[in-house]
Amino acid sequence: MELLQLQYFIRVAHLEHMTEAAESLYVTQSSLSKTIQRLEQSIGVELFDRIGKKLKLNAYGQAFLPRAEKALFELEQGQQQLLDMSKLRQQSIRLAVTNASTLPQILHTFRERYPHTPLHVQMCATEEMEQLLQSDEVDFGFASLPINDERLDYEIVCDDPILIAIPRQHRLAQHRTEPLPLIELADEKLVGVKKGYHTRDLVDQACQNAGFVPQYIFEGNEPARLGAFIEAGIGIGFIPASGIPAASDQLCLVASEPPLFRQIVLVWQRDKYISAAAQEFRKVVHEHFDRLAKKSDFNKNNC
């Protein structure tokens, strides 16, 4: 059994058409057909039911396909590992992120250490991030739980408190020294991100558990801009501690009761070889959040 035979078999299995498969592989139909026949001879069974130029995987082919794909995947991962070890190519880091509040500091540290390692970052929704990881278009995803694709692995890098941000002149901000019960927001106007953002979903569920439906006066898709609306007195908002803007004397930041947290995770494709550059990036991520945990008490009242 040869590597080329596996590659050709997988392509024909997905297209189920000899002519189309041959064109996509840039080989003649005759050459492709002979390669598939040699594979079947070496295995001892036919893998396709043939109807003219159209092919359909039979029971043997259906059983063999996932194993062939796994074998080819492992060989490609092994080749990438050897290339990394021998430094035959310049490595890069490709990221898909669903929240970018902590990313600038992480990227700054990484670029200082590895100035010649190319970086590419794209913002996207969780579902798109999962698709990019599965298609091997990015090395890591940077997101909040939950991650729904069981083919992906992840590690929690931070338990990120979600704080209530109140305009300083608001009555709820006056002399606030204790966590604020969520029920006290029942009659307040809120500013927040749109439904579908993980933080918004967490907040809405917590408010409903407290006995009320939150009333939004503003809903946006740029989390970083919420602070400006709150400072302007438009309403009260919820801001993850890691995304708190530069110190402002117009905002009071206070923990909620019960407390709210989101879990920030680093996500990657299961069983995928992680390059040396990607491993160094993961190290920088861990160091960043370790420093943050030691330096800051996110639960401390900031009024």
C-alpha atoms as a PDB file:
ATOM      1  CA  MET A   1       0.000   0.000   0.000  1.00  0.00           C
ATOM      2  CA  GLU A   2       1.431   3.365  -1.059  1.00  0.00           C
ATOM      3  CA  LEU A   3       0.851   6.898   0.192  1.00  0.00           C
ATOM      4  CA  LEU A   4      -0.186   8.014  -3.298  1.00  0.00           C
ATOM      5  CA  GLN A   5      -2.825   5.283  -3.397  1.00  0.00           C
ATOM      6  CA  LEU A   6      -4.340   6.558  -0.150  1.00  0.00           C
ATOM      7  CA  GLN A   7      -4.374  10.148  -1.399  1.00  0.00           C
ATOM      8  CA  TYR A   8      -6.086   9.153  -4.637  1.00  0.00           C
ATOM      9  CA  PHE A   9      -8.580   6.891  -2.864  1.00  0.00           C
ATOM     10  CA  ILE A  10      -9.639   9.662  -0.452  1.00  0.00           C
ATOM     11  CA  ARG A  11     -10.176  12.135  -3.306  1.00  0.00           C
ATOM     12  CA  VAL A  12     -12.238   9.652  -5.350  1.00  0.00           C
ATOM     13  CA  ALA A  13     -14.205   8.648  -2.242  1.00  0.00           C
ATOM     14  CA  HIS A  14     -15.257  12.252  -1.648  1.00  0.00           C
ATOM     15  CA  LEU A  15     -16.071  13.100  -5.282  1.00  0.00           C
ATOM     16  CA  GLU A  16     -17.414   9.662  -6.330  1.00  0.00           C
ATOM     17  CA  HIS A  17     -16.567  10.526  -9.943  1.00  0.00           C
ATOM     18  CA  MET A  18     -13.406   9.325 -11.690  1.00  0.00           C
ATOM     19  CA  THR A  19     -13.172  12.153 -14.226  1.00  0.00           C
ATOM     20  CA  GLU A  20     -13.692  14.932 -11.664  1.00  0.00           C
ATOM     21  CA  ALA A  21     -11.223  13.308  -9.273  1.00  0.00           C
ATOM     22  CA  ALA A  22      -8.598  12.974 -12.007  1.00  0.00           C
ATOM     23  CA  GLU A  23      -8.987  16.630 -12.974  1.00  0.00           C
ATOM     24  CA  SER A  24      -8.683  17.802  -9.384  1.00  0.00           C
ATOM     25  CA  LEU A  25      -5.508  15.714  -8.940  1.00  0.00           C
ATOM     26  CA  TYR A  26      -4.040  16.799 -12.315  1.00  0.00           C
ATOM     27  CA  VAL A  27      -3.587  13.196 -13.481  1.00  0.00           C
ATOM     28  CA  THR A  28      -5.134  11.220 -16.295  1.00  0.00           C
ATOM     29  CA  GLN A  29      -8.250   9.219 -15.634  1.00  0.00           C
ATOM     30  CA  SER A  30      -6.433   6.072 -16.736  1.00  0.00           C
ATOM     31  CA  SER A  31      -3.597   6.648 -14.259  1.00  0.00           C
ATOM     32  CA  LEU A  32      -6.037   7.326 -11.439  1.00  0.00           C
ATOM     33  CA  SER A  33      -8.111   4.235 -12.241  1.00  0.00           C
ATOM     34  CA  LYS A  34      -5.032   1.999 -12.281  1.00  0.00           C
ATOM     35  CA  THR A  35      -3.826   3.415  -8.949  1.00  0.00           C
ATOM     36  CA  ILE A  36      -7.185   2.680  -7.308  1.00  0.00           C
ATOM     37  CA  GLN A  37      -7.189  -0.833  -8.781  1.00  0.00           C
ATOM     38  CA  ARG A  38      -3.688  -1.515  -7.392  1.00  0.00           C
ATOM     39  CA  LEU A  39      -4.883  -0.350  -3.957  1.00  0.00           C
ATOM     40  CA  GLU A  40      -7.870  -2.709  -4.127  1.00  0.00           C
ATOM     41  CA  GLN A  41      -5.622  -5.566  -5.202  1.00  0.00           C
ATOM     42  CA  SER A  42      -3.250  -4.970  -2.305  1.00  0.00           C
ATOM     43  CA  ILE A  43      -6.169  -4.891   0.161  1.00  0.00           C
ATOM     44  CA  GLY A  44      -7.968  -7.839  -1.407  1.00  0.00           C
ATOM     45  CA  VAL A  45     -11.433  -6.266  -1.806  1.00  0.00           C
ATOM     46  CA  GLU A  46     -13.106  -3.717  -4.061  1.00  0.00           C
ATOM     47  CA  LEU A  47     -13.799  -0.376  -2.378  1.00  0.00           C
ATOM     48  CA  PHE A  48     -16.298   1.058  -4.877  1.00  0.00           C
ATOM     49  CA  ASP A  49     -19.391   0.021  -6.763  1.00  0.00           C
ATOM     50  CA  ARG A  50     -18.829   1.176 -10.346  1.00  0.00           C
ATOM     51  CA  ILE A  51     -21.543   2.530 -12.636  1.00  0.00           C
ATOM     52  CA  GLY A  52     -19.798   3.900 -15.714  1.00  0.00           C
ATOM     53  CA  LYS A  53     -17.595   6.837 -14.664  1.00  0.00           C
ATOM     54  CA  LYS A  54     -19.621   7.226 -11.480  1.00  0.00           C
ATOM     55  CA  LEU A  55     -18.388   5.428  -8.357  1.00  0.00           C
ATOM     56  CA  LYS A  56     -20.009   4.878  -5.010  1.00  0.00           C
ATOM     57  CA  LEU A  57     -18.289   3.689  -1.846  1.00  0.00           C
ATOM     58  CA  ASN A  58     -19.409   0.207  -0.900  1.00  0.00           C
ATOM     59  CA  ALA A  59     -19.398  -1.178   2.648  1.00  0.00           C
ATOM     60  CA  TYR A  60     -15.651  -1.965   2.421  1.00  0.00           C
ATOM     61  CA  GLY A  61     -14.867   1.536   1.175  1.00  0.00           C
ATOM     62  CA  GLN A  62     -16.975   3.191   3.882  1.00  0.00           C
ATOM     63  CA  ALA A  63     -15.125   1.218   6.559  1.00  0.00           C
ATOM     64  CA  PHE A  64     -11.717   1.995   5.049  1.00  0.00           C
ATOM     65  CA  LEU A  65     -12.171   5.739   4.373  1.00  0.00           C
ATOM     66  CA  PRO A  66     -11.948   7.102   7.967  1.00  0.00           C
ATOM     67  CA  ARG A  67      -8.876   4.984   8.654  1.00  0.00           C
ATOM     68  CA  ALA A  68      -7.200   6.140   5.448  1.00  0.00           C
ATOM     69  CA  GLU A  69      -7.952   9.771   6.332  1.00  0.00           C
ATOM     70  CA  LYS A  70      -6.571   9.315   9.826  1.00  0.00           C
ATOM     71  CA  ALA A  71      -3.402   7.642   8.492  1.00  0.00           C
ATOM     72  CA  LEU A  72      -2.819  10.457   5.994  1.00  0.00           C
ATOM     73  CA  PHE A  73      -3.507  13.080   8.667  1.00  0.00           C
ATOM     74  CA  GLU A  74      -0.963  11.504  11.036  1.00  0.00           C
ATOM     75  CA  LEU A  75       1.670  11.373   8.281  1.00  0.00           C
ATOM     76  CA  GLU A  76       1.101  15.050   7.455  1.00  0.00           C
ATOM     77  CA  GLN A  77       1.349  15.977  11.135  1.00  0.00           C
ATOM     78  CA  GLY A  78       4.565  13.970  11.446  1.00  0.00           C
ATOM     79  CA  GLN A  79       6.022  15.770   8.440  1.00  0.00           C
ATOM     80  CA  GLN A  80       5.121  19.144   9.959  1.00  0.00           C
ATOM     81  CA  GLN A  81       6.761  18.162  13.244  1.00  0.00           C
ATOM     82  CA  LEU A  82       9.976  17.175  11.478  1.00  0.00           C
ATOM     83  CA  LEU A  83       9.980  20.412   9.499  1.00  0.00           C
ATOM     84  CA  ASP A  84       9.624  22.346  12.734  1.00  0.00           C
ATOM     85  CA  MET A  85      12.404  20.387  14.397  1.00  0.00           C
ATOM     86  CA  SER A  86      14.783  20.924  11.501  1.00  0.00           C
ATOM     87  CA  LYS A  87      13.778  24.617  11.119  1.00  0.00           C
ATOM     88  CA  LEU A  88      13.243  24.150   7.373  1.00  0.00           C
ATOM     89  CA  ARG A  89      10.519  26.772   7.183  1.00  0.00           C
ATOM     90  CA  GLN A  90       9.538  29.974   8.887  1.00  0.00           C
ATOM     91  CA  GLN A  91       6.774  29.367  11.354  1.00  0.00           C
ATOM     92  CA  SER A  92       3.762  31.603  11.835  1.00  0.00           C
ATOM     93  CA  ILE A  93       0.888  31.977  14.295  1.00  0.00           C
ATOM     94  CA  ARG A  94      -2.697  32.184  13.025  1.00  0.00           C
ATOM     95  CA  LEU A  95      -5.424  33.100  15.504  1.00  0.00           C
ATOM     96  CA  ALA A  96      -9.204  33.347  15.465  1.00  0.00           C
ATOM     97  CA  VAL A  97     -10.587  35.271  18.434  1.00  0.00           C
ATOM     98  CA  THR A  98     -14.124  35.927  19.649  1.00  0.00           C
ATOM     99  CA  ASN A  99     -13.023  38.505  22.212  1.00  0.00           C
ATOM    100  CA  ALA A 100      -9.931  40.667  21.959  1.00  0.00           C
ATOM    101  CA  SER A 101      -9.866  42.578  25.234  1.00  0.00           C
ATOM    102  CA  THR A 102      -6.660  40.965  26.510  1.00  0.00           C
ATOM    103  CA  LEU A 103      -5.123  40.192  23.126  1.00  0.00           C
ATOM    104  CA  PRO A 104      -3.106  43.403  22.506  1.00  0.00           C
ATOM    105  CA  GLN A 105      -0.955  42.847  25.610  1.00  0.00           C
ATOM    106  CA  ILE A 106      -0.435  39.163  24.761  1.00  0.00           C
ATOM    107  CA  LEU A 107       0.540  39.947  21.171  1.00  0.00           C
ATOM    108  CA  HIS A 108       2.884  42.728  22.348  1.00  0.00           C
ATOM    109  CA  THR A 109       4.757  40.317  24.618  1.00  0.00           C
ATOM    110  CA  PHE A 110       4.967  37.658  21.915  1.00  0.00           C
ATOM    111  CA  ARG A 111       6.252  40.091  19.295  1.00  0.00           C
ATOM    112  CA  GLU A 112       8.918  41.345  21.703  1.00  0.00           C
ATOM    113  CA  ARG A 113      10.211  37.792  22.178  1.00  0.00           C
ATOM    114  CA  TYR A 114       9.744  36.551  18.616  1.00  0.00           C
ATOM    115  CA  PRO A 115       9.883  39.610  16.332  1.00  0.00           C
ATOM    116  CA  HIS A 116      10.397  37.512  13.179  1.00  0.00           C
ATOM    117  CA  THR A 117       7.427  35.192  13.683  1.00  0.00           C
ATOM    118  CA  PRO A 118       4.520  36.282  11.444  1.00  0.00           C
ATOM    119  CA  LEU A 119       1.162  36.782  13.171  1.00  0.00           C
ATOM    120  CA  HIS A 120      -2.314  36.864  11.697  1.00  0.00           C
ATOM    121  CA  VAL A 121      -5.402  37.488  13.822  1.00  0.00           C
ATOM    122  CA  GLN A 122      -9.056  37.603  12.812  1.00  0.00           C
ATOM    123  CA  MET A 123     -12.154  38.416  14.864  1.00  0.00           C
ATOM    124  CA  CYS A 124     -15.124  36.121  14.379  1.00  0.00           C
ATOM    125  CA  ALA A 125     -18.071  34.452  16.091  1.00  0.00           C
ATOM    126  CA  THR A 126     -17.590  31.190  17.967  1.00  0.00           C
ATOM    127  CA  GLU A 127     -19.137  29.051  15.228  1.00  0.00           C
ATOM    128  CA  GLU A 128     -16.837  30.520  12.552  1.00  0.00           C
ATOM    129  CA  MET A 129     -13.824  30.074  14.856  1.00  0.00           C
ATOM    130  CA  GLU A 130     -14.670  26.381  15.250  1.00  0.00           C
ATOM    131  CA  GLN A 131     -14.906  25.994  11.462  1.00  0.00           C
ATOM    132  CA  LEU A 132     -11.552  27.716  10.919  1.00  0.00           C
ATOM    133  CA  LEU A 133      -9.910  25.393  13.435  1.00  0.00           C
ATOM    134  CA  GLN A 134     -11.403  22.296  11.824  1.00  0.00           C
ATOM    135  CA  SER A 135     -10.246  23.363   8.346  1.00  0.00           C
ATOM    136  CA  ASP A 136      -6.738  24.025   9.723  1.00  0.00           C
ATOM    137  CA  GLU A 137      -6.885  27.695   8.709  1.00  0.00           C
ATOM    138  CA  VAL A 138      -5.849  28.832  12.203  1.00  0.00           C
ATOM    139  CA  ASP A 139      -3.627  27.367  14.925  1.00  0.00           C
ATOM    140  CA  PHE A 140      -5.568  28.557  17.966  1.00  0.00           C
ATOM    141  CA  GLY A 141      -8.922  29.989  18.879  1.00  0.00           C
ATOM    142  CA  PHE A 142      -9.262  32.444  21.741  1.00  0.00           C
ATOM    143  CA  ALA A 143     -12.802  32.477  23.103  1.00  0.00           C
ATOM    144  CA  SER A 144     -15.181  32.034  26.021  1.00  0.00           C
ATOM    145  CA  LEU A 145     -16.882  28.803  26.987  1.00  0.00           C
ATOM    146  CA  PRO A 146     -18.909  26.979  25.868  1.00  0.00           C
ATOM    147  CA  ILE A 147     -17.132  25.329  22.918  1.00  0.00           C
ATOM    148  CA  ASN A 148     -19.641  23.080  21.178  1.00  0.00           C
ATOM    149  CA  ASP A 149     -17.505  21.158  18.669  1.00  0.00           C
ATOM    150  CA  GLU A 150     -16.415  17.876  20.268  1.00  0.00           C
ATOM    151  CA  ARG A 151     -13.561  17.588  17.742  1.00  0.00           C
ATOM    152  CA  LEU A 152     -11.806  20.512  19.430  1.00  0.00           C
ATOM    153  CA  ASP A 153      -9.741  20.583  22.612  1.00  0.00           C
ATOM    154  CA  TYR A 154      -9.384  23.576  24.885  1.00  0.00           C
ATOM    155  CA  GLU A 155      -7.839  24.713  28.147  1.00  0.00           C
ATOM    156  CA  ILE A 156      -9.196  27.333  30.516  1.00  0.00           C
ATOM    157  CA  VAL A 157      -6.652  30.146  30.855  1.00  0.00           C
ATOM    158  CA  CYS A 158      -8.682  32.580  32.958  1.00  0.00           C
ATOM    159  CA  ASP A 159     -11.784  32.786  35.138  1.00  0.00           C
ATOM    160  CA  ASP A 160     -12.803  36.319  34.209  1.00  0.00           C
ATOM    161  CA  PRO A 161     -15.256  38.101  36.566  1.00  0.00           C
ATOM    162  CA  ILE A 162     -18.003  40.153  34.933  1.00  0.00           C
ATOM    163  CA  LEU A 163     -18.450  43.415  36.834  1.00  0.00           C
ATOM    164  CA  ILE A 164     -21.328  45.869  36.937  1.00  0.00           C
ATOM    165  CA  ALA A 165     -20.292  49.247  35.521  1.00  0.00           C
ATOM    166  CA  ILE A 166     -22.321  52.166  36.884  1.00  0.00           C
ATOM    167  CA  PRO A 167     -22.066  55.900  36.086  1.00  0.00           C
ATOM    168  CA  ARG A 168     -20.421  57.440  39.148  1.00  0.00           C
ATOM    169  CA  GLN A 169     -23.259  59.881  39.777  1.00  0.00           C
ATOM    170  CA  HIS A 170     -25.885  57.135  39.710  1.00  0.00           C
ATOM    171  CA  ARG A 171     -27.665  56.435  43.012  1.00  0.00           C
ATOM    172  CA  LEU A 172     -26.468  52.792  42.973  1.00  0.00           C
ATOM    173  CA  ALA A 173     -22.860  53.953  42.856  1.00  0.00           C
ATOM    174  CA  GLN A 174     -23.059  56.156  45.930  1.00  0.00           C
ATOM    175  CA  HIS A 175     -20.954  54.793  48.796  1.00  0.00           C
ATOM    176  CA  ARG A 176     -21.008  51.309  47.279  1.00  0.00           C
ATOM    177  CA  THR A 177     -18.728  48.995  49.268  1.00  0.00           C
ATOM    178  CA  GLU A 178     -20.489  45.626  48.876  1.00  0.00           C
ATOM    179  CA  PRO A 179     -21.479  43.494  45.876  1.00  0.00           C
ATOM    180  CA  LEU A 180     -24.681  44.677  44.231  1.00  0.00           C
ATOM    181  CA  PRO A 181     -27.646  42.247  44.225  1.00  0.00           C
ATOM    182  CA  LEU A 182     -28.809  41.794  40.641  1.00  0.00           C
ATOM    183  CA  ILE A 183     -32.443  42.329  41.610  1.00  0.00           C
ATOM    184  CA  GLU A 184     -31.623  46.010  42.237  1.00  0.00           C
ATOM    185  CA  LEU A 185     -31.189  46.372  38.470  1.00  0.00           C
ATOM    186  CA  ALA A 186     -34.755  45.242  37.747  1.00  0.00           C
ATOM    187  CA  ASP A 187     -35.976  48.780  36.985  1.00  0.00           C
ATOM    188  CA  GLU A 188     -32.730  50.087  35.501  1.00  0.00           C
ATOM    189  CA  LYS A 189     -31.956  50.681  31.829  1.00  0.00           C
ATOM    190  CA  LEU A 190     -28.973  48.643  30.590  1.00  0.00           C
ATOM    191  CA  VAL A 191     -26.449  48.963  27.785  1.00  0.00           C
ATOM    192  CA  GLY A 192     -24.875  45.798  26.426  1.00  0.00           C
ATOM    193  CA  VAL A 193     -23.847  43.741  23.452  1.00  0.00           C
ATOM    194  CA  LYS A 194     -26.388  41.999  21.259  1.00  0.00           C
ATOM    195  CA  LYS A 195     -27.829  38.563  21.951  1.00  0.00           C
ATOM    196  CA  GLY A 196     -25.498  35.765  20.898  1.00  0.00           C
ATOM    197  CA  TYR A 197     -22.454  37.184  22.643  1.00  0.00           C
ATOM    198  CA  HIS A 198     -21.494  34.885  25.499  1.00  0.00           C
ATOM    199  CA  THR A 199     -21.321  37.699  28.070  1.00  0.00           C
ATOM    200  CA  ARG A 200     -24.809  38.907  27.105  1.00  0.00           C
ATOM    201  CA  ASP A 201     -26.208  35.369  27.396  1.00  0.00           C
ATOM    202  CA  LEU A 202     -24.654  34.963  30.854  1.00  0.00           C
ATOM    203  CA  VAL A 203     -26.025  38.297  32.067  1.00  0.00           C
ATOM    204  CA  ASP A 204     -29.530  37.691  30.718  1.00  0.00           C
ATOM    205  CA  GLN A 205     -29.727  34.259  32.317  1.00  0.00           C
ATOM    206  CA  ALA A 206     -28.453  35.571  35.664  1.00  0.00           C
ATOM    207  CA  CYS A 207     -31.024  38.383  35.667  1.00  0.00           C
ATOM    208  CA  GLN A 208     -33.824  35.960  34.856  1.00  0.00           C
ATOM    209  CA  ASN A 209     -32.638  33.691  37.672  1.00  0.00           C
ATOM    210  CA  ALA A 210     -32.824  36.740  39.960  1.00  0.00           C
ATOM    211  CA  GLY A 211     -36.461  37.228  38.996  1.00  0.00           C
ATOM    212  CA  PHE A 212     -36.560  39.866  36.226  1.00  0.00           C
ATOM    213  CA  VAL A 213     -36.024  40.381  32.512  1.00  0.00           C
ATOM    214  CA  PRO A 214     -33.272  42.955  31.842  1.00  0.00           C
ATOM    215  CA  GLN A 215     -34.329  46.127  29.982  1.00  0.00           C
ATOM    216  CA  TYR A 216     -31.814  47.248  27.336  1.00  0.00           C
ATOM    217  CA  ILE A 217     -31.775  50.802  26.062  1.00  0.00           C
ATOM    218  CA  PHE A 218     -28.739  50.128  23.836  1.00  0.00           C
ATOM    219  CA  GLU A 219     -27.472  46.902  22.208  1.00  0.00           C
ATOM    220  CA  GLY A 220     -24.278  46.929  20.151  1.00  0.00           C
ATOM    221  CA  ASN A 221     -21.705  44.628  18.607  1.00  0.00           C
ATOM    222  CA  GLU A 222     -18.564  46.403  19.858  1.00  0.00           C
ATOM    223  CA  PRO A 223     -17.942  45.413  23.507  1.00  0.00           C
ATOM    224  CA  ALA A 224     -15.021  47.843  23.825  1.00  0.00           C
ATOM    225  CA  ARG A 225     -17.352  50.834  23.260  1.00  0.00           C
ATOM    226  CA  LEU A 226     -19.809  50.044  26.048  1.00  0.00           C
ATOM    227  CA  GLY A 227     -17.780  51.966  28.626  1.00  0.00           C
ATOM    228  CA  ALA A 228     -18.318  55.238  26.766  1.00  0.00           C
ATOM    229  CA  PHE A 229     -22.113  54.797  26.794  1.00  0.00           C
ATOM    230  CA  ILE A 230     -22.071  53.998  30.506  1.00  0.00           C
ATOM    231  CA  GLU A 231     -19.842  57.004  31.277  1.00  0.00           C
ATOM    232  CA  ALA A 232     -22.309  59.193  29.379  1.00  0.00           C
ATOM    233  CA  GLY A 233     -25.063  58.084  31.742  1.00  0.00           C
ATOM    234  CA  ILE A 234     -27.053  56.195  29.073  1.00  0.00           C
ATOM    235  CA  GLY A 235     -27.411  53.163  31.305  1.00  0.00           C
ATOM    236  CA  ILE A 236     -25.735  50.527  33.457  1.00  0.00           C
ATOM    237  CA  GLY A 237     -23.649  47.755  31.875  1.00  0.00           C
ATOM    238  CA  PHE A 238     -21.721  44.569  32.514  1.00  0.00           C
ATOM    239  CA  ILE A 239     -18.023  44.521  31.609  1.00  0.00           C
ATOM    240  CA  PRO A 240     -15.616  41.564  31.939  1.00  0.00           C
ATOM    241  CA  ALA A 241     -12.767  42.467  34.286  1.00  0.00           C
ATOM    242  CA  SER A 242     -10.153  41.703  31.629  1.00  0.00           C
ATOM    243  CA  GLY A 243     -11.877  44.170  29.292  1.00  0.00           C
ATOM    244  CA  ILE A 244     -12.169  47.114  31.666  1.00  0.00           C
ATOM    245  CA  PRO A 245     -11.085  50.296  29.818  1.00  0.00           C
ATOM    246  CA  ALA A 246      -8.391  52.644  31.032  1.00  0.00           C
ATOM    247  CA  ALA A 247      -9.098  54.082  34.466  1.00  0.00           C
ATOM    248  CA  SER A 248     -11.998  56.499  34.374  1.00  0.00           C
ATOM    249  CA  ASP A 249     -13.284  58.708  37.168  1.00  0.00           C
ATOM    250  CA  GLN A 250     -16.737  58.468  35.607  1.00  0.00           C
ATOM    251  CA  LEU A 251     -17.281  54.750  36.255  1.00  0.00           C
ATOM    252  CA  CYS A 252     -17.959  52.721  39.373  1.00  0.00           C
ATOM    253  CA  LEU A 253     -17.088  49.018  38.949  1.00  0.00           C
ATOM    254  CA  VAL A 254     -18.657  46.622  41.411  1.00  0.00           C
ATOM    255  CA  ALA A 255     -19.115  42.869  41.735  1.00  0.00           C
ATOM    256  CA  SER A 256     -22.599  41.424  41.421  1.00  0.00           C
ATOM    257  CA  GLU A 257     -24.444  39.186  43.840  1.00  0.00           C
ATOM    258  CA  PRO A 258     -24.477  36.396  42.864  1.00  0.00           C
ATOM    259  CA  PRO A 259     -21.073  36.827  41.185  1.00  0.00           C
ATOM    260  CA  LEU A 260     -20.754  36.400  37.413  1.00  0.00           C
ATOM    261  CA  PHE A 261     -17.767  34.883  35.612  1.00  0.00           C
ATOM    262  CA  ARG A 262     -16.845  33.906  32.090  1.00  0.00           C
ATOM    263  CA  GLN A 263     -14.134  31.344  31.345  1.00  0.00           C
ATOM    264  CA  ILE A 264     -11.607  32.348  28.697  1.00  0.00           C
ATOM    265  CA  VAL A 265     -10.173  29.391  26.795  1.00  0.00           C
ATOM    266  CA  LEU A 266      -7.474  28.623  24.258  1.00  0.00           C
ATOM    267  CA  VAL A 267      -8.860  26.217  21.638  1.00  0.00           C
ATOM    268  CA  TRP A 268      -7.179  23.967  19.063  1.00  0.00           C
ATOM    269  CA  GLN A 269      -7.965  21.074  16.741  1.00  0.00           C
ATOM    270  CA  ARG A 270      -7.826  17.746  18.552  1.00  0.00           C
ATOM    271  CA  ASP A 271      -4.819  15.545  17.645  1.00  0.00           C
ATOM    272  CA  LYS A 272      -3.280  18.332  15.562  1.00  0.00           C
ATOM    273  CA  TYR A 273       0.459  18.751  15.931  1.00  0.00           C
ATOM    274  CA  ILE A 274       1.175  22.052  17.676  1.00  0.00           C
ATOM    275  CA  SER A 275       4.203  23.778  16.161  1.00  0.00           C
ATOM    276  CA  ALA A 276       7.073  25.074  18.243  1.00  0.00           C
ATOM    277  CA  ALA A 277       5.973  28.670  17.554  1.00  0.00           C
ATOM    278  CA  ALA A 278       2.400  27.863  18.610  1.00  0.00           C
ATOM    279  CA  GLN A 279       3.661  26.240  21.810  1.00  0.00           C
ATOM    280  CA  GLU A 280       5.609  29.402  22.616  1.00  0.00           C
ATOM    281  CA  PHE A 281       2.501  31.479  22.005  1.00  0.00           C
ATOM    282  CA  ARG A 282       0.539  29.294  24.412  1.00  0.00           C
ATOM    283  CA  LYS A 283       3.294  29.821  26.979  1.00  0.00           C
ATOM    284  CA  VAL A 284       2.956  33.596  26.630  1.00  0.00           C
ATOM    285  CA  VAL A 285      -0.831  33.334  27.120  1.00  0.00           C
ATOM    286  CA  HIS A 286      -0.371  31.401  30.373  1.00  0.00           C
ATOM    287  CA  GLU A 287       2.252  33.843  31.646  1.00  0.00           C
ATOM    288  CA  HIS A 288      -0.017  36.800  30.873  1.00  0.00           C
ATOM    289  CA  PHE A 289      -2.954  35.479  32.875  1.00  0.00           C
ATOM    290  CA  ASP A 290      -0.711  34.288  35.703  1.00  0.00           C
ATOM    291  CA  ARG A 291       0.638  37.849  36.023  1.00  0.00           C
ATOM    292  CA  LEU A 292      -2.858  39.266  35.834  1.00  0.00           C
ATOM    293  CA  ALA A 293      -4.088  36.994  38.621  1.00  0.00           C
ATOM    294  CA  LYS A 294      -1.196  37.963  40.901  1.00  0.00           C
ATOM    295  CA  LYS A 295      -1.357  41.681  40.197  1.00  0.00           C
ATOM    296  CA  SER A 296      -5.102  42.294  40.227  1.00  0.00           C
ATOM    297  CA  ASP A 297      -7.981  41.396  42.470  1.00  0.00           C
ATOM    298  CA  PHE A 298     -10.848  41.512  40.005  1.00  0.00           C
ATOM    299  CA  ASN A 299     -13.406  41.206  42.765  1.00  0.00           C
ATOM    300  CA  LYS A 300     -12.208  44.349  44.556  1.00  0.00           C
ATOM    301  CA  ASN A 301     -14.697  47.195  44.541  1.00  0.00           C
ATOM    302  CA  ASN A 302     -13.548  50.032  42.311  1.00  0.00           C
ATOM    303  CA  CYS A 303     -15.905  52.820  43.440  1.00  0.00           C
END
